[in-house]
Protein backbone atom coordinates (compact mmCIF):
# COMPACT_ATOMS: atom_id res chain seq x y z
CA UNK A 1 118.49 90.66 82.43
CA UNK A 2 120.86 89.04 85.30
CA UNK A 3 119.70 86.93 86.54
CA UNK A 4 119.19 87.59 90.21
CA UNK A 5 121.56 85.03 91.67
CA UNK A 6 124.43 85.68 89.53
CA UNK A 7 124.10 89.26 90.72
CA UNK A 8 123.65 88.30 94.66
CA UNK A 9 127.08 86.61 93.91
CA UNK A 10 128.66 89.77 91.69
CA UNK A 11 127.41 91.57 95.19
CA UNK A 12 129.29 89.55 97.86
CA UNK A 13 132.39 90.00 96.13
CA UNK A 14 131.72 93.01 94.93
CA UNK A 15 129.14 96.03 95.94
CA UNK A 16 129.25 99.24 93.53
CA UNK A 17 130.18 96.39 90.41
CA UNK A 18 125.89 94.84 91.72
CA UNK A 19 124.83 98.44 92.02
CA UNK A 20 125.31 99.57 89.38
CA UNK A 21 124.35 96.92 86.97
CA UNK A 22 120.69 97.16 88.39
CA UNK A 23 120.77 101.54 89.50
CA UNK A 24 123.67 102.42 86.41
CA UNK A 25 125.93 105.96 87.64
CA UNK A 26 124.33 107.81 89.77
CA UNK A 27 123.80 108.82 93.75
CA UNK A 28 123.22 104.84 94.81
CA UNK A 29 126.40 104.40 92.94
CA UNK A 30 127.99 106.73 94.25
CA UNK A 31 127.34 106.11 98.04
CA UNK A 32 127.82 102.97 97.64
CA UNK A 33 131.54 103.21 96.39
CA UNK A 34 132.07 105.57 100.19
CA UNK A 35 130.63 103.11 102.28
CA UNK A 36 131.73 100.23 100.37
CA UNK A 37 135.70 102.35 100.49
CA UNK A 38 134.93 103.44 104.50
CA UNK A 39 133.76 99.53 105.93
CA UNK A 40 132.84 96.85 103.54
CA UNK A 41 129.83 95.38 104.84
CA UNK A 42 128.24 98.41 105.15
CA UNK A 43 128.51 98.39 101.55
CA UNK A 44 127.41 95.14 101.90
CA UNK A 45 124.25 96.31 103.45
CA UNK A 46 123.27 99.53 101.42
CA UNK A 47 124.12 96.96 98.23
CA UNK A 48 121.94 94.15 99.29
CA UNK A 49 118.95 96.79 100.36
CA UNK A 50 118.94 98.17 96.93
CA UNK A 51 118.85 95.09 95.46
CA UNK A 52 115.90 93.94 97.87
CA UNK A 53 114.36 96.64 96.72
CA UNK A 54 114.48 96.54 92.56
CA UNK A 55 113.44 92.55 93.03
CA UNK A 56 110.23 93.41 94.85
CA UNK A 57 109.31 96.33 93.56
CA UNK A 58 109.59 94.28 89.67
CA UNK A 59 107.80 91.98 91.42
CA UNK A 60 105.07 93.82 92.45
CA UNK A 61 104.58 94.89 88.94
CA UNK A 62 104.94 91.40 87.63
CA UNK A 63 101.55 91.19 89.97
CA UNK A 64 99.76 94.17 88.24
CA UNK A 65 100.38 95.73 91.40
CA UNK A 66 101.05 99.19 91.75
CA UNK A 67 102.71 100.84 94.42
CA UNK A 68 103.17 104.87 94.53
CA UNK A 69 105.52 104.75 97.02
CA UNK A 70 109.15 105.22 96.95
CA UNK A 71 111.31 103.70 98.67
CA UNK A 72 113.82 105.54 100.76
CA UNK A 73 117.17 106.12 99.89
CA UNK A 74 116.93 104.96 97.07
CA UNK A 75 117.76 107.88 94.04
CA UNK A 76 117.96 105.42 91.09
CA UNK A 77 114.21 105.55 89.16
CA UNK A 78 115.34 101.98 88.16
CA UNK A 79 115.44 100.80 91.43
CA UNK A 80 111.87 102.17 93.14
CA UNK A 81 110.48 100.84 89.40
CA UNK A 82 111.37 97.77 89.56
CA UNK A 83 113.08 98.33 86.15
CA UNK A 84 109.80 99.39 84.66
CA UNK A 85 110.03 102.45 82.18
CA UNK A 86 114.00 102.46 82.01
CA UNK A 87 115.29 104.14 78.84
CA UNK A 88 112.41 104.64 76.61
CA UNK A 89 110.01 102.93 78.62
CA UNK A 90 106.95 105.22 80.21
CA UNK A 91 107.21 104.41 84.30
CA UNK A 92 104.41 101.91 85.36
CA UNK A 93 103.46 103.87 88.44
C-alpha cells in the first residue's frame, strides 16, 4: 500500500494522480480533473478531502470501529471503506 506521505507529495504536484491512486478511475477522478482544470486549488481541496476520508475510514477499520455513514461527496467505494472491500474482498461495514 502506498505511504500517506508519498501520496500527499504526489497530490501537491498533481491532484488527479493522487485521487486516482486511492479512488481509481471513476466519478471522483472525473470531478477532480474538472476542478483542477477550473482552478488548481479546488482540485487540491477535493483531493485532500478524499485522502482524509480514505485514511480516516482505514484507521477506523483497523481499530474495529464500524461506521456505516457515507462521507458526503465521495463516490468511490474504495474511499468510503478505507480500502476494505476493494476488489474481491467483501466490504467491512
